[in-house]
Amino acid sequence: MDITDKSRIHLACYRGMRELDLLLIPFFQHEFDSLSMHEKNLFVYLLERDDPELCHWLISSKTPEDANIKKIVDRIQNSNKKRMSQK
C-alpha cells in the first residue's frame, strides 16, 4: 500500500474487529500526519497483518519480535491511552 494514499490507509484501518477499529482509526486520524516516513511505513505494514496478529499486539499486549514493529505498536497504544485520559 502506498503511504501517500491516505484515503486507502484510512479504509484499511477499518477491520473485522471493532476493538481494533477503536484503536487504529483514532490513531490514524490524530497521529498519522505527524509520523515520520519510517513510522508511516511501519503503520502500513501493521495494517497489512491479520486481525488476530494485530489483536495480540495491540490488545493482548503480546510483544512483537521485531523492535521496529514494537515501536509503532507502543506509539499506537500510548496515543490512545493519552486520548482516553483527556476525556
PDB file of N, CA and C in Angstrom:
ATOM      1  N   MET A   1       0.847  -1.168   0.000  1.00  0.00           N
ATOM      2  CA  MET A   1       0.000   0.000   0.000  1.00  0.00           C
ATOM      3  C   MET A   1       0.897   1.237   0.000  1.00  0.00           C
ATOM      4  N   ASP A   2       0.531   2.205  -0.786  1.00  0.00           N
ATOM      5  CA  ASP A   2       1.280   3.451  -0.909  1.00  0.00           C
ATOM      6  C   ASP A   2       1.005   4.338   0.303  1.00  0.00           C
ATOM      7  N   ILE A   3       2.059   4.752   1.003  1.00  0.00           N
ATOM      8  CA  ILE A   3       1.871   5.552   2.219  1.00  0.00           C
ATOM      9  C   ILE A   3       1.366   6.963   1.932  1.00  0.00           C
ATOM     10  N   THR A   4       1.365   7.391   0.675  1.00  0.00           N
ATOM     11  CA  THR A   4       0.847   8.717   0.346  1.00  0.00           C
ATOM     12  C   THR A   4      -0.647   8.684   0.025  1.00  0.00           C
ATOM     13  N   ASP A   5      -1.232   7.505  -0.089  1.00  0.00           N
ATOM     14  CA  ASP A   5      -2.659   7.362  -0.387  1.00  0.00           C
ATOM     15  C   ASP A   5      -3.439   7.260   0.922  1.00  0.00           C
ATOM     16  N   LYS A   6      -3.679   8.428   1.512  1.00  0.00           N
ATOM     17  CA  LYS A   6      -4.285   8.469   2.841  1.00  0.00           C
ATOM     18  C   LYS A   6      -5.691   7.881   2.871  1.00  0.00           C
ATOM     19  N   SER A   7      -6.451   8.048   1.816  1.00  0.00           N
ATOM     20  CA  SER A   7      -7.813   7.508   1.836  1.00  0.00           C
ATOM     21  C   SER A   7      -7.789   5.982   1.872  1.00  0.00           C
ATOM     22  N   ARG A   8      -6.850   5.386   1.188  1.00  0.00           N
ATOM     23  CA  ARG A   8      -6.713   3.921   1.192  1.00  0.00           C
ATOM     24  C   ARG A   8      -6.243   3.427   2.567  1.00  0.00           C
ATOM     25  N   ILE A   9      -5.326   4.152   3.171  1.00  0.00           N
ATOM     26  CA  ILE A   9      -4.835   3.790   4.507  1.00  0.00           C
ATOM     27  C   ILE A   9      -5.967   3.920   5.515  1.00  0.00           C
ATOM     28  N   HIS A  10      -6.738   4.995   5.404  1.00  0.00           N
ATOM     29  CA  HIS A  10      -7.867   5.192   6.310  1.00  0.00           C
ATOM     30  C   HIS A  10      -8.852   4.031   6.202  1.00  0.00           C
ATOM     31  N   LEU A  11      -9.162   3.608   4.992  1.00  0.00           N
ATOM     32  CA  LEU A  11     -10.063   2.465   4.803  1.00  0.00           C
ATOM     33  C   LEU A  11      -9.478   1.186   5.398  1.00  0.00           C
ATOM     34  N   ALA A  12      -8.172   1.029   5.308  1.00  0.00           N
ATOM     35  CA  ALA A  12      -7.521  -0.171   5.841  1.00  0.00           C
ATOM     36  C   ALA A  12      -7.568  -0.211   7.369  1.00  0.00           C
ATOM     37  N   CYS A  13      -7.822   0.933   7.995  1.00  0.00           N
ATOM     38  CA  CYS A  13      -7.946   0.973   9.456  1.00  0.00           C
ATOM     39  C   CYS A  13      -9.234   0.320   9.931  1.00  0.00           C
ATOM     40  N   TYR A  14     -10.229   0.215   9.050  1.00  0.00           N
ATOM     41  CA  TYR A  14     -11.483  -0.456   9.393  1.00  0.00           C
ATOM     42  C   TYR A  14     -11.258  -1.947   9.280  1.00  0.00           C
ATOM     43  N   ARG A  15     -11.371  -2.645  10.401  1.00  0.00           N
ATOM     44  CA  ARG A  15     -11.033  -4.053  10.480  1.00  0.00           C
ATOM     45  C   ARG A  15     -12.273  -4.899  10.712  1.00  0.00           C
ATOM     46  N   GLY A  16     -12.090  -6.186  10.849  1.00  0.00           N
ATOM     47  CA  GLY A  16     -13.187  -7.081  11.161  1.00  0.00           C
ATOM     48  C   GLY A  16     -13.513  -7.113  12.644  1.00  0.00           C
ATOM     49  N   MET A  17     -12.673  -6.487  13.438  1.00  0.00           N
ATOM     50  CA  MET A  17     -12.868  -6.463  14.899  1.00  0.00           C
ATOM     51  C   MET A  17     -13.069  -5.022  15.354  1.00  0.00           C
ATOM     52  N   ARG A  18     -14.172  -4.782  16.018  1.00  0.00           N
ATOM     53  CA  ARG A  18     -14.493  -3.438  16.492  1.00  0.00           C
ATOM     54  C   ARG A  18     -13.403  -2.899  17.426  1.00  0.00           C
ATOM     55  N   GLU A  19     -12.829  -3.787  18.237  1.00  0.00           N
ATOM     56  CA  GLU A  19     -11.787  -3.374  19.181  1.00  0.00           C
ATOM     57  C   GLU A  19     -10.589  -2.768  18.448  1.00  0.00           C
ATOM     58  N   LEU A  20     -10.242  -3.349  17.311  1.00  0.00           N
ATOM     59  CA  LEU A  20      -9.130  -2.815  16.521  1.00  0.00           C
ATOM     60  C   LEU A  20      -9.509  -1.489  15.881  1.00  0.00           C
ATOM     61  N   ASP A  21     -10.754  -1.395  15.404  1.00  0.00           N
ATOM     62  CA  ASP A  21     -11.219  -0.123  14.830  1.00  0.00           C
ATOM     63  C   ASP A  21     -11.055   1.014  15.830  1.00  0.00           C
ATOM     64  N   LEU A  22     -11.392   0.731  17.089  1.00  0.00           N
ATOM     65  CA  LEU A  22     -11.342   1.758  18.124  1.00  0.00           C
ATOM     66  C   LEU A  22      -9.919   2.198  18.464  1.00  0.00           C
ATOM     67  N   LEU A  23      -8.947   1.400  18.103  1.00  0.00           N
ATOM     68  CA  LEU A  23      -7.541   1.760  18.313  1.00  0.00           C
ATOM     69  C   LEU A  23      -6.930   2.390  17.063  1.00  0.00           C
ATOM     70  N   LEU A  24      -7.173   1.782  15.923  1.00  0.00           N
ATOM     71  CA  LEU A  24      -6.491   2.191  14.694  1.00  0.00           C
ATOM     72  C   LEU A  24      -7.047   3.471  14.078  1.00  0.00           C
ATOM     73  N   ILE A  25      -8.361   3.599  14.049  1.00  0.00           N
ATOM     74  CA  ILE A  25      -8.953   4.769  13.387  1.00  0.00           C
ATOM     75  C   ILE A  25      -8.593   6.075  14.093  1.00  0.00           C
ATOM     76  N   PRO A  26      -8.752   6.165  15.421  1.00  0.00           N
ATOM     77  CA  PRO A  26      -8.345   7.421  16.077  1.00  0.00           C
ATOM     78  C   PRO A  26      -6.848   7.706  15.921  1.00  0.00           C
ATOM     79  N   PHE A  27      -6.036   6.665  15.981  1.00  0.00           N
ATOM     80  CA  PHE A  27      -4.603   6.873  15.798  1.00  0.00           C
ATOM     81  C   PHE A  27      -4.342   7.462  14.415  1.00  0.00           C
ATOM     82  N   PHE A  28      -4.966   6.892  13.410  1.00  0.00           N
ATOM     83  CA  PHE A  28      -4.788   7.421  12.050  1.00  0.00           C
ATOM     84  C   PHE A  28      -5.246   8.871  11.976  1.00  0.00           C
ATOM     85  N   GLN A  29      -6.423   9.147  12.512  1.00  0.00           N
ATOM     86  CA  GLN A  29      -6.985  10.492  12.413  1.00  0.00           C
ATOM     87  C   GLN A  29      -6.167  11.545  13.150  1.00  0.00           C
ATOM     88  N   HIS A  30      -5.595  11.178  14.282  1.00  0.00           N
ATOM     89  CA  HIS A  30      -4.903  12.158  15.123  1.00  0.00           C
ATOM     90  C   HIS A  30      -3.381  12.162  14.974  1.00  0.00           C
ATOM     91  N   GLU A  31      -2.801  11.058  14.556  1.00  0.00           N
ATOM     92  CA  GLU A  31      -1.349  10.937  14.604  1.00  0.00           C
ATOM     93  C   GLU A  31      -0.653  10.703  13.253  1.00  0.00           C
ATOM     94  N   PHE A  32      -1.363  10.187  12.273  1.00  0.00           N
ATOM     95  CA  PHE A  32      -0.697   9.749  11.042  1.00  0.00           C
ATOM     96  C   PHE A  32       0.141  10.847  10.404  1.00  0.00           C
ATOM     97  N   ASP A  33      -0.403  12.041  10.306  1.00  0.00           N
ATOM     98  CA  ASP A  33       0.323  13.132   9.643  1.00  0.00           C
ATOM     99  C   ASP A  33       1.608  13.519  10.364  1.00  0.00           C
ATOM    100  N   SER A  34       1.682  13.257  11.649  1.00  0.00           N
ATOM    101  CA  SER A  34       2.885  13.624  12.403  1.00  0.00           C
ATOM    102  C   SER A  34       3.950  12.517  12.414  1.00  0.00           C
ATOM    103  N   LEU A  35       3.639  11.361  11.835  1.00  0.00           N
ATOM    104  CA  LEU A  35       4.603  10.260  11.806  1.00  0.00           C
ATOM    105  C   LEU A  35       5.718  10.532  10.810  1.00  0.00           C
ATOM    106  N   SER A  36       6.884  10.010  11.098  1.00  0.00           N
ATOM    107  CA  SER A  36       7.983  10.061  10.127  1.00  0.00           C
ATOM    108  C   SER A  36       7.651   9.097   8.985  1.00  0.00           C
ATOM    109  N   MET A  37       8.359   9.193   7.887  1.00  0.00           N
ATOM    110  CA  MET A  37       8.139   8.276   6.760  1.00  0.00           C
ATOM    111  C   MET A  37       8.347   6.833   7.200  1.00  0.00           C
ATOM    112  N   HIS A  38       9.348   6.614   8.023  1.00  0.00           N
ATOM    113  CA  HIS A  38       9.622   5.263   8.527  1.00  0.00           C
ATOM    114  C   HIS A  38       8.442   4.751   9.356  1.00  0.00           C
ATOM    115  N   GLU A  39       7.917   5.604  10.229  1.00  0.00           N
ATOM    116  CA  GLU A  39       6.775   5.214  11.058  1.00  0.00           C
ATOM    117  C   GLU A  39       5.518   4.984  10.214  1.00  0.00           C
ATOM    118  N   LYS A  40       5.337   5.796   9.184  1.00  0.00           N
ATOM    119  CA  LYS A  40       4.195   5.597   8.284  1.00  0.00           C
ATOM    120  C   LYS A  40       4.296   4.234   7.608  1.00  0.00           C
ATOM    121  N   ASN A  41       5.490   3.896   7.166  1.00  0.00           N
ATOM    122  CA  ASN A  41       5.698   2.577   6.550  1.00  0.00           C
ATOM    123  C   ASN A  41       5.404   1.455   7.540  1.00  0.00           C
ATOM    124  N   LEU A  42       5.813   1.623   8.783  1.00  0.00           N
ATOM    125  CA  LEU A  42       5.535   0.616   9.802  1.00  0.00           C
ATOM    126  C   LEU A  42       4.037   0.501  10.068  1.00  0.00           C
ATOM    127  N   PHE A  43       3.346   1.629  10.107  1.00  0.00           N
ATOM    128  CA  PHE A  43       1.906   1.614  10.327  1.00  0.00           C
ATOM    129  C   PHE A  43       1.200   0.882   9.183  1.00  0.00           C
ATOM    130  N   VAL A  44       1.592   1.171   7.971  1.00  0.00           N
ATOM    131  CA  VAL A  44       1.014   0.483   6.815  1.00  0.00           C
ATOM    132  C   VAL A  44       1.328  -1.012   6.879  1.00  0.00           C
ATOM    133  N   TYR A  45       2.539  -1.346   7.277  1.00  0.00           N
ATOM    134  CA  TYR A  45       2.903  -2.753   7.456  1.00  0.00           C
ATOM    135  C   TYR A  45       1.963  -3.413   8.466  1.00  0.00           C
ATOM    136  N   LEU A  46       1.679  -2.736   9.569  1.00  0.00           N
ATOM    137  CA  LEU A  46       0.745  -3.269  10.571  1.00  0.00           C
ATOM    138  C   LEU A  46      -0.627  -3.517   9.966  1.00  0.00           C
ATOM    139  N   LEU A  47      -1.097  -2.579   9.170  1.00  0.00           N
ATOM    140  CA  LEU A  47      -2.418  -2.709   8.570  1.00  0.00           C
ATOM    141  C   LEU A  47      -2.510  -3.889   7.610  1.00  0.00           C
ATOM    142  N   GLU A  48      -1.384  -4.353   7.137  1.00  0.00           N
ATOM    143  CA  GLU A  48      -1.358  -5.500   6.233  1.00  0.00           C
ATOM    144  C   GLU A  48      -1.337  -6.837   6.982  1.00  0.00           C
ATOM    145  N   ARG A  49      -1.227  -6.788   8.295  1.00  0.00           N
ATOM    146  CA  ARG A  49      -1.251  -8.009   9.123  1.00  0.00           C
ATOM    147  C   ARG A  49      -2.696  -8.456   9.337  1.00  0.00           C
ATOM    148  N   ASP A  50      -2.855  -9.716   9.706  1.00  0.00           N
ATOM    149  CA  ASP A  50      -4.174 -10.271  10.020  1.00  0.00           C
ATOM    150  C   ASP A  50      -4.680  -9.717  11.347  1.00  0.00           C
ATOM    151  N   ASP A  51      -6.007  -9.667  11.472  1.00  0.00           N
ATOM    152  CA  ASP A  51      -6.621  -9.155  12.699  1.00  0.00           C
ATOM    153  C   ASP A  51      -6.157  -9.891  13.960  1.00  0.00           C
ATOM    154  N   PRO A  52      -6.081 -11.230  13.946  1.00  0.00           N
ATOM    155  CA  PRO A  52      -5.629 -11.897  15.175  1.00  0.00           C
ATOM    156  C   PRO A  52      -4.225 -11.470  15.608  1.00  0.00           C
ATOM    157  N   GLU A  53      -3.341 -11.284  14.641  1.00  0.00           N
ATOM    158  CA  GLU A  53      -1.987 -10.842  14.963  1.00  0.00           C
ATOM    159  C   GLU A  53      -2.005  -9.429  15.544  1.00  0.00           C
ATOM    160  N   LEU A  54      -2.770  -8.541  14.919  1.00  0.00           N
ATOM    161  CA  LEU A  54      -2.897  -7.172  15.436  1.00  0.00           C
ATOM    162  C   LEU A  54      -3.503  -7.168  16.827  1.00  0.00           C
ATOM    163  N   CYS A  55      -4.487  -8.005  17.023  1.00  0.00           N
ATOM    164  CA  CYS A  55      -5.136  -8.100  18.330  1.00  0.00           C
ATOM    165  C   CYS A  55      -4.133  -8.521  19.401  1.00  0.00           C
ATOM    166  N   HIS A  56      -3.297  -9.483  19.081  1.00  0.00           N
ATOM    167  CA  HIS A  56      -2.271  -9.921  20.037  1.00  0.00           C
ATOM    168  C   HIS A  56      -1.346  -8.769  20.398  1.00  0.00           C
ATOM    169  N   TRP A  57      -0.953  -7.996  19.417  1.00  0.00           N
ATOM    170  CA  TRP A  57      -0.002  -6.910  19.650  1.00  0.00           C
ATOM    171  C   TRP A  57      -0.645  -5.712  20.341  1.00  0.00           C
ATOM    172  N   LEU A  58      -1.830  -5.323  19.892  1.00  0.00           N
ATOM    173  CA  LEU A  58      -2.433  -4.079  20.361  1.00  0.00           C
ATOM    174  C   LEU A  58      -3.321  -4.237  21.591  1.00  0.00           C
ATOM    175  N   ILE A  59      -3.953  -5.392  21.730  1.00  0.00           N
ATOM    176  CA  ILE A  59      -4.915  -5.572  22.809  1.00  0.00           C
ATOM    177  C   ILE A  59      -4.395  -6.532  23.872  1.00  0.00           C
ATOM    178  N   SER A  60      -3.834  -7.638  23.440  1.00  0.00           N
ATOM    179  CA  SER A  60      -3.377  -8.654  24.396  1.00  0.00           C
ATOM    180  C   SER A  60      -2.000  -8.346  24.958  1.00  0.00           C
ATOM    181  N   SER A  61      -1.410  -7.282  24.502  1.00  0.00           N
ATOM    182  CA  SER A  61      -0.103  -6.824  24.981  1.00  0.00           C
ATOM    183  C   SER A  61       1.019  -7.842  24.765  1.00  0.00           C
ATOM    184  N   LYS A  62       0.884  -8.665  23.729  1.00  0.00           N
ATOM    185  CA  LYS A  62       1.996  -9.541  23.368  1.00  0.00           C
ATOM    186  C   LYS A  62       2.996  -8.709  22.573  1.00  0.00           C
ATOM    187  N   THR A  63       4.248  -8.854  22.892  1.00  0.00           N
ATOM    188  CA  THR A  63       5.283  -8.027  22.288  1.00  0.00           C
ATOM    189  C   THR A  63       5.699  -8.569  20.929  1.00  0.00           C
ATOM    190  N   PRO A  64       5.667  -7.719  19.893  1.00  0.00           N
ATOM    191  CA  PRO A  64       6.171  -8.146  18.590  1.00  0.00           C
ATOM    192  C   PRO A  64       7.669  -8.444  18.682  1.00  0.00           C
ATOM    193  N   GLU A  65       8.119  -9.433  17.948  1.00  0.00           N
ATOM    194  CA  GLU A  65       9.539  -9.786  17.968  1.00  0.00           C
ATOM    195  C   GLU A  65      10.395  -8.699  17.326  1.00  0.00           C
ATOM    196  N   ASP A  66       9.871  -8.061  16.300  1.00  0.00           N
ATOM    197  CA  ASP A  66      10.595  -7.014  15.583  1.00  0.00           C
ATOM    198  C   ASP A  66      10.545  -5.717  16.400  1.00  0.00           C
ATOM    199  N   ALA A  67      11.701  -5.173  16.733  1.00  0.00           N
ATOM    200  CA  ALA A  67      11.780  -3.962  17.564  1.00  0.00           C
ATOM    201  C   ALA A  67      11.110  -2.764  16.895  1.00  0.00           C
ATOM    202  N   ASN A  68      11.199  -2.647  15.585  1.00  0.00           N
ATOM    203  CA  ASN A  68      10.554  -1.536  14.884  1.00  0.00           C
ATOM    204  C   ASN A  68       9.039  -1.636  14.971  1.00  0.00           C
ATOM    205  N   ILE A  69       8.521  -2.843  14.838  1.00  0.00           N
ATOM    206  CA  ILE A  69       7.079  -3.042  14.958  1.00  0.00           C
ATOM    207  C   ILE A  69       6.639  -2.719  16.385  1.00  0.00           C
ATOM    208  N   LYS A  70       7.450  -3.117  17.343  1.00  0.00           N
ATOM    209  CA  LYS A  70       7.139  -2.821  18.748  1.00  0.00           C
ATOM    210  C   LYS A  70       7.036  -1.312  18.966  1.00  0.00           C
ATOM    211  N   LYS A  71       7.889  -0.544  18.312  1.00  0.00           N
ATOM    212  CA  LYS A  71       7.863   0.915  18.472  1.00  0.00           C
ATOM    213  C   LYS A  71       6.544   1.514  17.988  1.00  0.00           C
ATOM    214  N   ILE A  72       6.063   1.051  16.826  1.00  0.00           N
ATOM    215  CA  ILE A  72       4.813   1.623  16.313  1.00  0.00           C
ATOM    216  C   ILE A  72       3.623   1.117  17.123  1.00  0.00           C
ATOM    217  N   VAL A  73       3.671  -0.118  17.584  1.00  0.00           N
ATOM    218  CA  VAL A  73       2.613  -0.645  18.454  1.00  0.00           C
ATOM    219  C   VAL A  73       2.569   0.173  19.745  1.00  0.00           C
ATOM    220  N   ASP A  74       3.725   0.424  20.325  1.00  0.00           N
ATOM    221  CA  ASP A  74       3.790   1.243  21.543  1.00  0.00           C
ATOM    222  C   ASP A  74       3.240   2.640  21.294  1.00  0.00           C
ATOM    223  N   ARG A  75       3.577   3.198  20.152  1.00  0.00           N
ATOM    224  CA  ARG A  75       3.097   4.547  19.831  1.00  0.00           C
ATOM    225  C   ARG A  75       1.577   4.568  19.704  1.00  0.00           C
ATOM    226  N   ILE A  76       1.005   3.556  19.073  1.00  0.00           N
ATOM    227  CA  ILE A  76      -0.452   3.475  18.947  1.00  0.00           C
ATOM    228  C   ILE A  76      -1.088   3.355  20.329  1.00  0.00           C
ATOM    229  N   GLN A  77      -0.564   2.452  21.142  1.00  0.00           N
ATOM    230  CA  GLN A  77      -1.114   2.242  22.480  1.00  0.00           C
ATOM    231  C   GLN A  77      -0.997   3.507  23.334  1.00  0.00           C
ATOM    232  N   ASN A  78       0.153   4.144  23.317  1.00  0.00           N
ATOM    233  CA  ASN A  78       0.362   5.359  24.114  1.00  0.00           C
ATOM    234  C   ASN A  78      -0.521   6.503  23.640  1.00  0.00           C
ATOM    235  N   SER A  79      -0.667   6.633  22.344  1.00  0.00           N
ATOM    236  CA  SER A  79      -1.508   7.685  21.789  1.00  0.00           C
ATOM    237  C   SER A  79      -2.956   7.506  22.233  1.00  0.00           C
ATOM    238  N   ASN A  80      -3.431   6.285  22.194  1.00  0.00           N
ATOM    239  CA  ASN A  80      -4.808   6.020  22.600  1.00  0.00           C
ATOM    240  C   ASN A  80      -4.995   6.198  24.102  1.00  0.00           C
ATOM    241  N   LYS A  81      -4.015   5.787  24.901  1.00  0.00           N
ATOM    242  CA  LYS A  81      -4.097   5.994  26.358  1.00  0.00           C
ATOM    243  C   LYS A  81      -4.157   7.487  26.671  1.00  0.00           C
ATOM    244  N   LYS A  82      -3.341   8.252  25.982  1.00  0.00           N
ATOM    245  CA  LYS A  82      -3.302   9.693  26.205  1.00  0.00           C
ATOM    246  C   LYS A  82      -4.653  10.332  25.854  1.00  0.00           C
ATOM    247  N   ARG A  83      -5.225   9.951  24.729  1.00  0.00           N
ATOM    248  CA  ARG A  83      -6.521  10.492  24.331  1.00  0.00           C
ATOM    249  C   ARG A  83      -7.613  10.103  25.322  1.00  0.00           C
ATOM    250  N   MET A  84      -7.567   8.864  25.807  1.00  0.00           N
ATOM    251  CA  MET A  84      -8.577   8.394  26.757  1.00  0.00           C
ATOM    252  C   MET A  84      -8.479   9.126  28.091  1.00  0.00           C
ATOM    253  N   SER A  85      -7.264   9.450  28.504  1.00  0.00           N
ATOM    254  CA  SER A  85      -7.093  10.144  29.789  1.00  0.00           C
ATOM    255  C   SER A  85      -7.530  11.607  29.700  1.00  0.00           C
ATOM    256  N   GLN A  86      -7.606  12.156  28.507  1.00  0.00           N
ATOM    257  CA  GLN A  86      -8.032  13.539  28.326  1.00  0.00           C
ATOM    258  C   GLN A  86      -9.547  13.689  28.312  1.00  0.00           C
ATOM    259  N   LYS A  87     -10.256  12.575  28.207  1.00  0.00           N
ATOM    260  CA  LYS A  87     -11.724  12.632  28.166  1.00  0.00           C
ATOM    261  C   LYS A  87     -12.312  12.799  29.531  1.00  0.00           C
TER     262      LYS A  87
END
